[in-house]
């Protein structure tokens, strides 16, 4: 791994831990069960499935409201190189965008659709 990638991962991990600590207990406990993976960019397979090359993050799997019907375990994937590019490689902007993207994808896990997330400023 290169130093830049490791730095992005550490910075994103710190921000997610901070967010989790700010959540109400019941939501925090549920969110802590949800794996968060870091990838530089969407893979060729994801892009072939319709995920745009510049996507910042995705929620994959069943929403928790659909327990018992899961095809794959739920997870959030954050594409850190895309987030860094979107943030203009500015560390403060990167942290803000990690927060927004993580909360956006967590919202999908909780059953919110795009309109709900936009209404909450998580676009």
N, C-alpha and C. Protein backbone atom coordinates (compact mmCIF):
# COMPACT_ATOMS: atom_id res chain seq x y z
N UNK A 1 0.84 -1.19 0.00
CA UNK A 1 0.00 0.00 0.00
C UNK A 1 0.88 1.24 0.00
N UNK A 2 0.40 2.27 -0.68
CA UNK A 2 1.17 3.51 -0.66
C UNK A 2 0.71 4.39 0.49
N UNK A 3 1.56 5.36 0.84
CA UNK A 3 1.28 6.23 1.98
C UNK A 3 0.02 7.05 1.81
N UNK A 4 -0.25 7.50 0.59
CA UNK A 4 -1.45 8.30 0.33
C UNK A 4 -2.70 7.49 0.64
N UNK A 5 -2.76 6.26 0.14
CA UNK A 5 -3.91 5.40 0.37
C UNK A 5 -4.09 5.12 1.87
N UNK A 6 -3.01 4.80 2.54
CA UNK A 6 -3.09 4.53 3.98
C UNK A 6 -3.58 5.76 4.75
N UNK A 7 -3.13 6.94 4.34
CA UNK A 7 -3.58 8.18 4.99
C UNK A 7 -5.09 8.37 4.78
N UNK A 8 -5.56 8.17 3.55
CA UNK A 8 -6.99 8.30 3.28
C UNK A 8 -7.80 7.33 4.14
N UNK A 9 -7.33 6.09 4.24
CA UNK A 9 -8.04 5.09 5.04
C UNK A 9 -8.09 5.49 6.51
N UNK A 10 -6.97 5.93 7.04
CA UNK A 10 -6.93 6.36 8.47
C UNK A 10 -7.86 7.53 8.70
N UNK A 11 -7.82 8.50 7.81
CA UNK A 11 -8.66 9.69 7.96
C UNK A 11 -10.14 9.32 7.88
N UNK A 12 -10.51 8.47 6.92
CA UNK A 12 -11.90 8.05 6.78
C UNK A 12 -12.34 7.22 7.99
N UNK A 13 -11.48 6.35 8.44
CA UNK A 13 -11.81 5.51 9.60
C UNK A 13 -12.04 6.36 10.85
N UNK A 14 -11.20 7.36 11.06
CA UNK A 14 -11.37 8.26 12.22
C UNK A 14 -12.71 8.99 12.14
N UNK A 15 -13.07 9.45 10.95
CA UNK A 15 -14.32 10.19 10.80
C UNK A 15 -15.53 9.28 11.04
N UNK A 16 -15.47 8.07 10.54
CA UNK A 16 -16.59 7.13 10.75
C UNK A 16 -16.72 6.80 12.23
N UNK A 17 -15.62 6.58 12.92
CA UNK A 17 -15.67 6.32 14.36
C UNK A 17 -16.29 7.51 15.10
N UNK A 18 -15.93 8.71 14.69
CA UNK A 18 -16.50 9.92 15.29
C UNK A 18 -18.01 9.96 15.06
N UNK A 19 -18.44 9.69 13.85
CA UNK A 19 -19.87 9.70 13.52
C UNK A 19 -20.60 8.67 14.38
N UNK A 20 -20.06 7.46 14.44
CA UNK A 20 -20.72 6.40 15.22
C UNK A 20 -20.87 6.82 16.68
N UNK A 21 -19.87 7.50 17.21
CA UNK A 21 -19.94 7.95 18.59
C UNK A 21 -20.99 9.02 18.83
N UNK A 22 -21.40 9.70 17.77
CA UNK A 22 -22.40 10.76 17.88
C UNK A 22 -23.83 10.26 17.71
N UNK A 23 -23.99 9.04 17.22
CA UNK A 23 -25.33 8.50 16.96
C UNK A 23 -26.03 8.10 18.26
N UNK A 24 -27.36 8.17 18.28
CA UNK A 24 -28.09 7.63 19.43
C UNK A 24 -27.74 6.15 19.62
N UNK A 25 -27.78 5.69 20.85
CA UNK A 25 -27.30 4.35 21.20
C UNK A 25 -27.89 3.25 20.33
N UNK A 26 -29.21 3.22 20.18
CA UNK A 26 -29.85 2.14 19.41
C UNK A 26 -29.37 2.14 17.96
N UNK A 27 -29.28 3.32 17.37
CA UNK A 27 -28.81 3.41 15.99
C UNK A 27 -27.33 3.08 15.90
N UNK A 28 -26.53 3.54 16.86
CA UNK A 28 -25.10 3.26 16.87
C UNK A 28 -24.85 1.76 16.93
N UNK A 29 -25.57 1.06 17.78
CA UNK A 29 -25.37 -0.39 17.90
C UNK A 29 -25.67 -1.09 16.59
N UNK A 30 -26.72 -0.67 15.92
CA UNK A 30 -27.08 -1.27 14.63
C UNK A 30 -26.04 -0.92 13.56
N UNK A 31 -25.62 0.35 13.54
CA UNK A 31 -24.66 0.81 12.52
C UNK A 31 -23.30 0.15 12.71
N UNK A 32 -22.91 -0.14 13.96
CA UNK A 32 -21.61 -0.76 14.21
C UNK A 32 -21.56 -2.19 13.66
N UNK A 33 -22.70 -2.80 13.43
CA UNK A 33 -22.73 -4.15 12.84
C UNK A 33 -22.52 -4.12 11.34
N UNK A 34 -22.64 -2.96 10.74
CA UNK A 34 -22.58 -2.81 9.29
C UNK A 34 -21.13 -2.62 8.85
N UNK A 35 -20.57 -3.56 8.09
CA UNK A 35 -19.19 -3.38 7.63
C UNK A 35 -19.07 -2.17 6.71
N UNK A 36 -17.98 -1.44 6.87
CA UNK A 36 -17.65 -0.32 5.98
C UNK A 36 -16.32 -0.66 5.34
N UNK A 37 -16.34 -0.78 4.03
CA UNK A 37 -15.14 -1.12 3.27
C UNK A 37 -14.64 0.11 2.54
N UNK A 38 -13.34 0.20 2.38
CA UNK A 38 -12.72 1.28 1.61
C UNK A 38 -12.13 0.69 0.35
N UNK A 39 -12.47 1.29 -0.77
CA UNK A 39 -11.90 0.93 -2.06
C UNK A 39 -11.46 2.24 -2.71
N UNK A 40 -10.44 2.19 -3.55
CA UNK A 40 -10.02 3.43 -4.21
C UNK A 40 -11.10 3.95 -5.16
N UNK A 41 -11.61 3.04 -6.01
CA UNK A 41 -12.57 3.37 -7.06
C UNK A 41 -13.51 2.20 -7.26
N UNK A 42 -14.67 2.42 -7.88
CA UNK A 42 -15.53 1.27 -8.21
C UNK A 42 -14.80 0.32 -9.17
N UNK A 43 -14.91 -0.96 -8.89
CA UNK A 43 -14.26 -1.97 -9.73
C UNK A 43 -14.91 -2.01 -11.11
N UNK A 44 -14.24 -2.68 -12.03
CA UNK A 44 -14.81 -2.87 -13.38
C UNK A 44 -16.13 -3.63 -13.30
N UNK A 45 -16.23 -4.60 -12.38
CA UNK A 45 -17.48 -5.36 -12.22
C UNK A 45 -18.61 -4.45 -11.76
N UNK A 46 -18.34 -3.58 -10.79
CA UNK A 46 -19.38 -2.65 -10.34
C UNK A 46 -19.79 -1.70 -11.46
N UNK A 47 -18.79 -1.24 -12.21
CA UNK A 47 -19.10 -0.34 -13.32
C UNK A 47 -19.92 -1.07 -14.38
N UNK A 48 -19.64 -2.34 -14.60
CA UNK A 48 -20.42 -3.12 -15.56
C UNK A 48 -21.86 -3.30 -15.08
N UNK A 49 -22.04 -3.25 -13.75
CA UNK A 49 -23.39 -3.36 -13.17
C UNK A 49 -24.10 -2.01 -13.11
N UNK A 50 -23.47 -0.95 -13.64
CA UNK A 50 -24.13 0.34 -13.72
C UNK A 50 -23.68 1.37 -12.70
N UNK A 51 -22.68 1.05 -11.89
CA UNK A 51 -22.15 2.01 -10.93
C UNK A 51 -21.19 2.94 -11.67
N UNK A 52 -21.43 4.25 -11.60
CA UNK A 52 -20.60 5.22 -12.31
C UNK A 52 -19.17 5.21 -11.76
N UNK A 53 -18.23 5.47 -12.63
CA UNK A 53 -16.81 5.46 -12.25
C UNK A 53 -16.48 6.49 -11.18
N UNK A 54 -17.27 7.58 -11.10
CA UNK A 54 -16.98 8.63 -10.12
C UNK A 54 -17.87 8.56 -8.87
N UNK A 55 -18.53 7.42 -8.65
CA UNK A 55 -19.38 7.23 -7.48
C UNK A 55 -18.54 7.34 -6.20
N UNK A 56 -19.10 8.01 -5.19
CA UNK A 56 -18.38 8.22 -3.93
C UNK A 56 -18.57 7.08 -2.95
N UNK A 57 -19.73 6.43 -2.99
CA UNK A 57 -20.01 5.33 -2.08
C UNK A 57 -21.27 4.61 -2.48
N UNK A 58 -21.40 3.39 -1.98
CA UNK A 58 -22.62 2.62 -2.24
C UNK A 58 -22.99 1.83 -0.98
N UNK A 59 -24.27 1.56 -0.87
CA UNK A 59 -24.76 0.60 0.11
C UNK A 59 -25.15 -0.62 -0.68
N UNK A 60 -24.65 -1.77 -0.28
CA UNK A 60 -24.97 -3.03 -0.95
C UNK A 60 -25.61 -3.97 0.06
N UNK A 61 -26.58 -4.71 -0.38
CA UNK A 61 -27.24 -5.67 0.50
C UNK A 61 -28.65 -5.21 0.83
N UNK A 62 -29.28 -5.97 1.69
CA UNK A 62 -30.66 -5.67 2.08
C UNK A 62 -30.68 -4.64 3.19
N UNK A 63 -31.69 -3.78 3.14
CA UNK A 63 -31.90 -2.83 4.23
C UNK A 63 -32.22 -3.62 5.49
N UNK A 64 -31.94 -3.05 6.65
CA UNK A 64 -32.19 -3.81 7.87
C UNK A 64 -33.68 -4.04 8.07
N UNK A 65 -34.53 -3.22 7.45
CA UNK A 65 -35.98 -3.43 7.60
C UNK A 65 -36.43 -4.67 6.83
N UNK A 66 -35.56 -5.21 5.98
CA UNK A 66 -35.90 -6.40 5.20
C UNK A 66 -35.18 -7.63 5.74
N UNK A 67 -34.84 -7.64 7.05
CA UNK A 67 -34.16 -8.79 7.62
C UNK A 67 -34.88 -10.09 7.27
N UNK A 68 -34.11 -11.12 7.07
CA UNK A 68 -34.67 -12.41 6.72
C UNK A 68 -34.75 -12.64 5.23
N UNK A 69 -34.58 -11.58 4.44
CA UNK A 69 -34.67 -11.70 2.99
C UNK A 69 -33.35 -11.32 2.34
N UNK A 70 -32.27 -11.38 3.09
CA UNK A 70 -30.98 -10.93 2.58
C UNK A 70 -30.40 -11.89 1.56
N UNK A 71 -29.90 -11.31 0.48
CA UNK A 71 -29.20 -12.09 -0.54
C UNK A 71 -27.71 -12.04 -0.25
N UNK A 72 -27.24 -10.90 0.17
CA UNK A 72 -25.85 -10.73 0.55
C UNK A 72 -25.82 -9.89 1.81
N UNK A 73 -24.80 -10.02 2.62
CA UNK A 73 -24.74 -9.22 3.84
C UNK A 73 -24.66 -7.73 3.49
N UNK A 74 -25.36 -6.89 4.25
CA UNK A 74 -25.30 -5.46 3.96
C UNK A 74 -23.91 -4.91 4.27
N UNK A 75 -23.51 -3.93 3.50
CA UNK A 75 -22.22 -3.28 3.69
C UNK A 75 -22.23 -1.93 3.00
N UNK A 76 -21.37 -1.06 3.47
CA UNK A 76 -21.15 0.23 2.82
C UNK A 76 -19.75 0.18 2.23
N UNK A 77 -19.64 0.66 1.00
CA UNK A 77 -18.33 0.78 0.37
C UNK A 77 -18.11 2.25 0.05
N UNK A 78 -17.03 2.81 0.58
CA UNK A 78 -16.65 4.19 0.27
C UNK A 78 -15.46 4.16 -0.68
N UNK A 79 -15.57 4.91 -1.76
CA UNK A 79 -14.53 4.97 -2.78
C UNK A 79 -13.66 6.20 -2.48
N UNK A 80 -12.61 5.98 -1.72
CA UNK A 80 -11.84 7.07 -1.13
C UNK A 80 -11.09 7.92 -2.15
N UNK A 81 -10.59 7.34 -3.21
CA UNK A 81 -9.92 8.16 -4.23
C UNK A 81 -10.92 9.10 -4.89
N UNK A 82 -12.14 8.61 -5.14
CA UNK A 82 -13.17 9.47 -5.72
C UNK A 82 -13.57 10.58 -4.75
N UNK A 83 -13.68 10.23 -3.46
CA UNK A 83 -14.02 11.24 -2.46
C UNK A 83 -12.92 12.30 -2.39
N UNK A 84 -11.66 11.86 -2.40
CA UNK A 84 -10.54 12.81 -2.36
C UNK A 84 -10.56 13.72 -3.58
N UNK A 85 -10.79 13.15 -4.77
CA UNK A 85 -10.87 13.96 -5.99
C UNK A 85 -12.02 14.95 -5.89
N UNK A 86 -13.18 14.50 -5.43
CA UNK A 86 -14.36 15.35 -5.30
C UNK A 86 -14.06 16.51 -4.34
N UNK A 87 -13.30 16.23 -3.29
CA UNK A 87 -12.95 17.23 -2.29
C UNK A 87 -11.76 18.09 -2.71
N UNK A 88 -11.29 17.92 -3.92
CA UNK A 88 -10.15 18.71 -4.39
C UNK A 88 -8.87 18.40 -3.64
N UNK A 89 -8.79 17.18 -3.11
CA UNK A 89 -7.64 16.72 -2.33
C UNK A 89 -7.36 17.62 -1.11
N UNK A 90 -8.40 18.29 -0.63
CA UNK A 90 -8.32 19.10 0.59
C UNK A 90 -8.76 18.22 1.76
N UNK A 91 -7.91 18.12 2.80
CA UNK A 91 -8.20 17.19 3.91
C UNK A 91 -9.49 17.52 4.64
N UNK A 92 -9.74 18.79 4.90
CA UNK A 92 -10.97 19.16 5.61
C UNK A 92 -12.20 18.83 4.76
N UNK A 93 -12.14 19.13 3.47
CA UNK A 93 -13.26 18.82 2.58
C UNK A 93 -13.43 17.31 2.44
N UNK A 94 -12.32 16.57 2.44
CA UNK A 94 -12.38 15.11 2.37
C UNK A 94 -13.15 14.56 3.58
N UNK A 95 -12.82 15.06 4.76
CA UNK A 95 -13.48 14.60 5.98
C UNK A 95 -14.98 14.89 5.93
N UNK A 96 -15.34 16.09 5.47
CA UNK A 96 -16.75 16.44 5.35
C UNK A 96 -17.45 15.50 4.38
N UNK A 97 -16.79 15.21 3.27
CA UNK A 97 -17.42 14.35 2.26
C UNK A 97 -17.51 12.90 2.71
N UNK A 98 -16.52 12.42 3.47
CA UNK A 98 -16.63 11.07 4.05
C UNK A 98 -17.86 11.02 4.94
N UNK A 99 -18.03 12.05 5.79
CA UNK A 99 -19.19 12.12 6.69
C UNK A 99 -20.50 12.07 5.89
N UNK A 100 -20.60 12.95 4.91
CA UNK A 100 -21.83 13.03 4.12
C UNK A 100 -22.10 11.72 3.39
N UNK A 101 -21.08 11.16 2.77
CA UNK A 101 -21.26 9.92 2.00
C UNK A 101 -21.60 8.76 2.92
N UNK A 102 -20.91 8.64 4.05
CA UNK A 102 -21.22 7.56 5.00
C UNK A 102 -22.65 7.68 5.51
N UNK A 103 -23.06 8.88 5.92
CA UNK A 103 -24.43 9.06 6.43
C UNK A 103 -25.46 8.81 5.33
N UNK A 104 -25.14 9.19 4.09
CA UNK A 104 -26.03 8.92 2.96
C UNK A 104 -26.24 7.41 2.80
N UNK A 105 -25.14 6.67 2.79
CA UNK A 105 -25.25 5.22 2.60
C UNK A 105 -25.88 4.55 3.83
N UNK A 106 -25.59 5.05 5.02
CA UNK A 106 -26.24 4.53 6.22
C UNK A 106 -27.74 4.78 6.14
N UNK A 107 -28.13 5.92 5.59
CA UNK A 107 -29.55 6.20 5.38
C UNK A 107 -30.21 5.16 4.49
N UNK A 108 -29.50 4.74 3.43
CA UNK A 108 -30.06 3.68 2.57
C UNK A 108 -30.25 2.40 3.38
N UNK A 109 -29.28 2.07 4.22
CA UNK A 109 -29.38 0.89 5.09
C UNK A 109 -30.62 0.99 5.97
N UNK A 110 -30.94 2.20 6.39
CA UNK A 110 -32.10 2.41 7.27
C UNK A 110 -33.41 2.51 6.50
N UNK A 111 -33.33 2.38 5.17
CA UNK A 111 -34.55 2.36 4.36
C UNK A 111 -34.93 3.68 3.72
N UNK A 112 -34.07 4.69 3.81
CA UNK A 112 -34.38 5.98 3.21
C UNK A 112 -34.06 5.94 1.72
N UNK A 113 -34.89 6.63 0.92
CA UNK A 113 -34.60 6.71 -0.51
C UNK A 113 -33.89 8.03 -0.81
N UNK A 114 -33.55 8.23 -2.07
CA UNK A 114 -32.78 9.42 -2.45
C UNK A 114 -33.48 10.70 -2.05
N UNK A 115 -34.79 10.78 -2.24
CA UNK A 115 -35.54 11.97 -1.86
C UNK A 115 -35.44 12.25 -0.37
N UNK A 116 -35.57 11.20 0.44
CA UNK A 116 -35.44 11.36 1.90
C UNK A 116 -34.06 11.89 2.26
N UNK A 117 -33.03 11.38 1.60
CA UNK A 117 -31.66 11.78 1.91
C UNK A 117 -31.38 13.21 1.47
N UNK A 118 -31.91 13.60 0.32
CA UNK A 118 -31.76 14.98 -0.15
C UNK A 118 -32.45 15.93 0.83
N UNK A 119 -33.65 15.55 1.30
CA UNK A 119 -34.36 16.38 2.28
C UNK A 119 -33.55 16.58 3.54
N UNK A 120 -32.66 15.64 3.87
CA UNK A 120 -31.83 15.73 5.06
C UNK A 120 -30.45 16.32 4.78
N UNK A 121 -30.25 16.82 3.55
CA UNK A 121 -28.97 17.43 3.20
C UNK A 121 -27.85 16.43 2.96
N UNK A 122 -28.21 15.19 2.65
CA UNK A 122 -27.22 14.13 2.47
C UNK A 122 -27.20 13.68 1.00
N UNK A 123 -26.99 14.64 0.11
CA UNK A 123 -26.98 14.30 -1.30
C UNK A 123 -25.62 13.95 -1.80
